[in-house]
């Protein structure tokens, strides 16, 4: 499923995730007619979805550039959270920290009504005043339309 959270109210995301998990195979029960092998694959960029999925269900696709025999190409490499059954040196899958996933999904904390989506108050750093070239008297002589102004 491609970004199933699009169009949903953020408060409904947990219910959607619960429904998606309910249609997958229950690994605590034997596979049979009532519990067929079934998985759900979701593509998302939503911190809310990532935060609502069990850690061992997360795989992160990362674009990697490689050079082989002098030729450059890009490929997708998967990583999982450490401390899950998916990770570890024996499996051959790279590990990624959950904080790194969050930083990728939400690289800049933006202020929305004085708080972020998780309720933390975040103040954006003040931006320096922008200095325009047209405001500089020493450069006005070089700009069209300002040649004769002093």
C-alpha atoms as a PDB file:
ATOM      1  CA  UNK A   1       0.000   0.000   0.000  1.00  0.00           C
ATOM      2  CA  UNK A   2       1.315   3.378  -0.968  1.00  0.00           C
ATOM      3  CA  UNK A   3       1.118   5.830   1.942  1.00  0.00           C
ATOM      4  CA  UNK A   4      -2.265   4.655   3.300  1.00  0.00           C
ATOM      5  CA  UNK A   5      -2.282   7.485   5.853  1.00  0.00           C
ATOM      6  CA  UNK A   6      -2.875  10.079   3.130  1.00  0.00           C
ATOM      7  CA  UNK A   7      -6.346  11.513   3.497  1.00  0.00           C
ATOM      8  CA  UNK A   8      -6.801  10.164   7.025  1.00  0.00           C
ATOM      9  CA  UNK A   9      -7.190  12.274  10.103  1.00  0.00           C
ATOM     10  CA  UNK A  10      -4.016  11.709  12.187  1.00  0.00           C
ATOM     11  CA  UNK A  11      -6.106  10.382  15.090  1.00  0.00           C
ATOM     12  CA  UNK A  12      -7.378   7.557  12.839  1.00  0.00           C
ATOM     13  CA  UNK A  13      -3.920   6.240  11.906  1.00  0.00           C
ATOM     14  CA  UNK A  14      -3.744   3.801  14.877  1.00  0.00           C
ATOM     15  CA  UNK A  15      -7.096   2.257  13.849  1.00  0.00           C
ATOM     16  CA  UNK A  16      -5.869   1.872  10.255  1.00  0.00           C
ATOM     17  CA  UNK A  17      -2.659   0.206  11.455  1.00  0.00           C
ATOM     18  CA  UNK A  18      -4.655  -2.146  13.652  1.00  0.00           C
ATOM     19  CA  UNK A  19      -6.807  -3.179  10.684  1.00  0.00           C
ATOM     20  CA  UNK A  20      -3.733  -3.779   8.535  1.00  0.00           C
ATOM     21  CA  UNK A  21      -2.127  -5.911  11.243  1.00  0.00           C
ATOM     22  CA  UNK A  22      -5.361  -7.897  11.688  1.00  0.00           C
ATOM     23  CA  UNK A  23      -5.288  -9.098   8.071  1.00  0.00           C
ATOM     24  CA  UNK A  24      -1.723 -10.417   8.283  1.00  0.00           C
ATOM     25  CA  UNK A  25      -0.795 -13.925   9.375  1.00  0.00           C
ATOM     26  CA  UNK A  26      -0.937 -14.426  13.121  1.00  0.00           C
ATOM     27  CA  UNK A  27       2.508 -15.897  13.808  1.00  0.00           C
ATOM     28  CA  UNK A  28       1.362 -17.229  17.195  1.00  0.00           C
ATOM     29  CA  UNK A  29      -1.118 -19.583  15.501  1.00  0.00           C
ATOM     30  CA  UNK A  30      -0.567 -22.415  12.995  1.00  0.00           C
ATOM     31  CA  UNK A  31      -0.991 -21.577   9.323  1.00  0.00           C
ATOM     32  CA  UNK A  32      -4.312 -22.968   8.058  1.00  0.00           C
ATOM     33  CA  UNK A  33      -7.491 -21.871   6.223  1.00  0.00           C
ATOM     34  CA  UNK A  34      -8.352 -19.435   9.004  1.00  0.00           C
ATOM     35  CA  UNK A  35      -4.774 -18.116   9.236  1.00  0.00           C
ATOM     36  CA  UNK A  36      -3.285 -18.155   5.717  1.00  0.00           C
ATOM     37  CA  UNK A  37       0.192 -16.840   4.954  1.00  0.00           C
ATOM     38  CA  UNK A  38      -0.387 -13.171   4.286  1.00  0.00           C
ATOM     39  CA  UNK A  39       1.661 -10.042   4.677  1.00  0.00           C
ATOM     40  CA  UNK A  40       0.956  -6.366   4.168  1.00  0.00           C
ATOM     41  CA  UNK A  41       3.647  -4.122   2.759  1.00  0.00           C
ATOM     42  CA  UNK A  42       3.234  -0.398   3.374  1.00  0.00           C
ATOM     43  CA  UNK A  43       5.311   2.431   1.962  1.00  0.00           C
ATOM     44  CA  UNK A  44       5.214   5.555   4.126  1.00  0.00           C
ATOM     45  CA  UNK A  45       7.019   8.752   5.019  1.00  0.00           C
ATOM     46  CA  UNK A  46       4.792   9.357   8.021  1.00  0.00           C
ATOM     47  CA  UNK A  47       6.361   9.535  11.489  1.00  0.00           C
ATOM     48  CA  UNK A  48       2.921   8.636  12.901  1.00  0.00           C
ATOM     49  CA  UNK A  49       2.792   5.384  10.933  1.00  0.00           C
ATOM     50  CA  UNK A  50       6.395   4.452  11.748  1.00  0.00           C
ATOM     51  CA  UNK A  51       5.748   5.146  15.425  1.00  0.00           C
ATOM     52  CA  UNK A  52       2.634   2.956  15.422  1.00  0.00           C
ATOM     53  CA  UNK A  53       4.168  -0.137  13.856  1.00  0.00           C
ATOM     54  CA  UNK A  54       6.001  -2.755  15.950  1.00  0.00           C
ATOM     55  CA  UNK A  55       9.778  -2.352  15.716  1.00  0.00           C
ATOM     56  CA  UNK A  56      10.306  -5.805  14.218  1.00  0.00           C
ATOM     57  CA  UNK A  57       7.902  -4.952  11.378  1.00  0.00           C
ATOM     58  CA  UNK A  58       9.950  -1.988  10.139  1.00  0.00           C
ATOM     59  CA  UNK A  59      12.290  -2.168   7.184  1.00  0.00           C
ATOM     60  CA  UNK A  60      13.893   0.977   5.852  1.00  0.00           C
ATOM     61  CA  UNK A  61      14.787   1.239   2.161  1.00  0.00           C
ATOM     62  CA  UNK A  62      17.855   3.382   1.611  1.00  0.00           C
ATOM     63  CA  UNK A  63      19.333   4.467  -1.692  1.00  0.00           C
ATOM     64  CA  UNK A  64      23.018   3.544  -1.924  1.00  0.00           C
ATOM     65  CA  UNK A  65      25.476   4.590  -4.569  1.00  0.00           C
ATOM     66  CA  UNK A  66      28.150   2.043  -5.389  1.00  0.00           C
ATOM     67  CA  UNK A  67      31.085   1.855  -7.756  1.00  0.00           C
ATOM     68  CA  UNK A  68      31.855  -1.552  -9.196  1.00  0.00           C
ATOM     69  CA  UNK A  69      34.537  -2.014 -11.854  1.00  0.00           C
ATOM     70  CA  UNK A  70      34.649   1.748 -12.326  1.00  0.00           C
ATOM     71  CA  UNK A  71      30.912   1.976 -13.030  1.00  0.00           C
ATOM     72  CA  UNK A  72      28.660   3.960 -10.739  1.00  0.00           C
ATOM     73  CA  UNK A  73      25.158   2.736  -9.994  1.00  0.00           C
ATOM     74  CA  UNK A  74      22.458   3.133  -7.392  1.00  0.00           C
ATOM     75  CA  UNK A  75      20.686   0.372  -5.566  1.00  0.00           C
ATOM     76  CA  UNK A  76      18.253  -0.034  -2.706  1.00  0.00           C
ATOM     77  CA  UNK A  77      19.553  -1.446   0.545  1.00  0.00           C
ATOM     78  CA  UNK A  78      17.277  -2.451   3.395  1.00  0.00           C
ATOM     79  CA  UNK A  79      17.964  -1.820   7.061  1.00  0.00           C
ATOM     80  CA  UNK A  80      16.074  -2.866  10.159  1.00  0.00           C
ATOM     81  CA  UNK A  81      15.979  -1.722  13.738  1.00  0.00           C
ATOM     82  CA  UNK A  82      18.564  -3.312  15.952  1.00  0.00           C
ATOM     83  CA  UNK A  83      17.385  -5.510  18.836  1.00  0.00           C
ATOM     84  CA  UNK A  84      14.794  -7.185  16.589  1.00  0.00           C
ATOM     85  CA  UNK A  85      14.762 -10.659  15.038  1.00  0.00           C
ATOM     86  CA  UNK A  86      15.488  -9.086  11.644  1.00  0.00           C
ATOM     87  CA  UNK A  87      18.850  -7.649  12.642  1.00  0.00           C
ATOM     88  CA  UNK A  88      22.203  -8.814  13.788  1.00  0.00           C
ATOM     89  CA  UNK A  89      25.449  -9.835  12.123  1.00  0.00           C
ATOM     90  CA  UNK A  90      24.193 -13.348  11.307  1.00  0.00           C
ATOM     91  CA  UNK A  91      21.327 -12.109   9.149  1.00  0.00           C
ATOM     92  CA  UNK A  92      23.304  -9.789   6.857  1.00  0.00           C
ATOM     93  CA  UNK A  93      20.891  -6.853   7.100  1.00  0.00           C
ATOM     94  CA  UNK A  94      22.184  -3.456   8.180  1.00  0.00           C
ATOM     95  CA  UNK A  95      20.797  -1.995  11.389  1.00  0.00           C
ATOM     96  CA  UNK A  96      19.425   1.504  11.822  1.00  0.00           C
ATOM     97  CA  UNK A  97      18.516   3.351  15.008  1.00  0.00           C
ATOM     98  CA  UNK A  98      14.898   4.424  15.451  1.00  0.00           C
ATOM     99  CA  UNK A  99      16.095   7.984  16.065  1.00  0.00           C
ATOM    100  CA  UNK A 100      17.741   8.006  12.638  1.00  0.00           C
ATOM    101  CA  UNK A 101      14.444   7.007  11.044  1.00  0.00           C
ATOM    102  CA  UNK A 102      12.673   9.849  12.862  1.00  0.00           C
ATOM    103  CA  UNK A 103      15.332  12.334  11.792  1.00  0.00           C
ATOM    104  CA  UNK A 104      14.919  11.232   8.173  1.00  0.00           C
ATOM    105  CA  UNK A 105      11.122  11.399   8.259  1.00  0.00           C
ATOM    106  CA  UNK A 106      10.943  14.725  10.087  1.00  0.00           C
ATOM    107  CA  UNK A 107      14.267  16.515   9.492  1.00  0.00           C
ATOM    108  CA  UNK A 108      13.062  19.950  10.574  1.00  0.00           C
ATOM    109  CA  UNK A 109      10.754  20.478  13.517  1.00  0.00           C
ATOM    110  CA  UNK A 110       8.271  23.053  12.322  1.00  0.00           C
ATOM    111  CA  UNK A 111       6.198  25.136  14.667  1.00  0.00           C
ATOM    112  CA  UNK A 112       2.466  24.572  14.245  1.00  0.00           C
ATOM    113  CA  UNK A 113       0.344  26.626  16.634  1.00  0.00           C
ATOM    114  CA  UNK A 114       3.272  26.690  19.042  1.00  0.00           C
ATOM    115  CA  UNK A 115       3.769  22.924  19.223  1.00  0.00           C
ATOM    116  CA  UNK A 116       4.847  19.958  17.147  1.00  0.00           C
ATOM    117  CA  UNK A 117       2.614  16.994  16.384  1.00  0.00           C
ATOM    118  CA  UNK A 118       3.912  15.236  19.503  1.00  0.00           C
ATOM    119  CA  UNK A 119       2.925  18.176  21.718  1.00  0.00           C
ATOM    120  CA  UNK A 120       6.426  19.498  22.351  1.00  0.00           C
ATOM    121  CA  UNK A 121       6.833  23.238  22.175  1.00  0.00           C
ATOM    122  CA  UNK A 122       9.378  24.102  19.516  1.00  0.00           C
ATOM    123  CA  UNK A 123      10.543  27.573  18.649  1.00  0.00           C
ATOM    124  CA  UNK A 124      12.168  27.989  15.272  1.00  0.00           C
ATOM    125  CA  UNK A 125      15.492  29.839  15.409  1.00  0.00           C
ATOM    126  CA  UNK A 126      15.210  33.468  14.335  1.00  0.00           C
ATOM    127  CA  UNK A 127      16.155  34.122  10.748  1.00  0.00           C
ATOM    128  CA  UNK A 128      18.599  36.902  10.032  1.00  0.00           C
ATOM    129  CA  UNK A 129      17.175  39.855   8.115  1.00  0.00           C
ATOM    130  CA  UNK A 130      17.611  39.303   4.421  1.00  0.00           C
ATOM    131  CA  UNK A 131      19.809  41.867   2.769  1.00  0.00           C
ATOM    132  CA  UNK A 132      18.845  42.545  -0.807  1.00  0.00           C
ATOM    133  CA  UNK A 133      21.305  43.672  -3.463  1.00  0.00           C
ATOM    134  CA  UNK A 134      18.957  46.470  -4.506  1.00  0.00           C
ATOM    135  CA  UNK A 135      19.148  47.918  -0.977  1.00  0.00           C
ATOM    136  CA  UNK A 136      22.925  48.338  -1.135  1.00  0.00           C
ATOM    137  CA  UNK A 137      23.799  51.881  -2.273  1.00  0.00           C
ATOM    138  CA  UNK A 138      27.253  50.806  -3.440  1.00  0.00           C
ATOM    139  CA  UNK A 139      25.709  48.328  -5.931  1.00  0.00           C
ATOM    140  CA  UNK A 140      22.752  50.369  -7.191  1.00  0.00           C
ATOM    141  CA  UNK A 141      24.825  51.965  -9.929  1.00  0.00           C
ATOM    142  CA  UNK A 142      25.307  48.537 -11.491  1.00  0.00           C
ATOM    143  CA  UNK A 143      21.611  47.606 -11.531  1.00  0.00           C
ATOM    144  CA  UNK A 144      19.266  48.476 -14.427  1.00  0.00           C
ATOM    145  CA  UNK A 145      16.884  51.284 -13.521  1.00  0.00           C
ATOM    146  CA  UNK A 146      19.079  52.565 -10.668  1.00  0.00           C
ATOM    147  CA  UNK A 147      22.025  53.912 -12.661  1.00  0.00           C
ATOM    148  CA  UNK A 148      21.315  57.577 -11.907  1.00  0.00           C
ATOM    149  CA  UNK A 149      20.057  57.335  -8.315  1.00  0.00           C
ATOM    150  CA  UNK A 150      22.233  58.458  -5.476  1.00  0.00           C
END
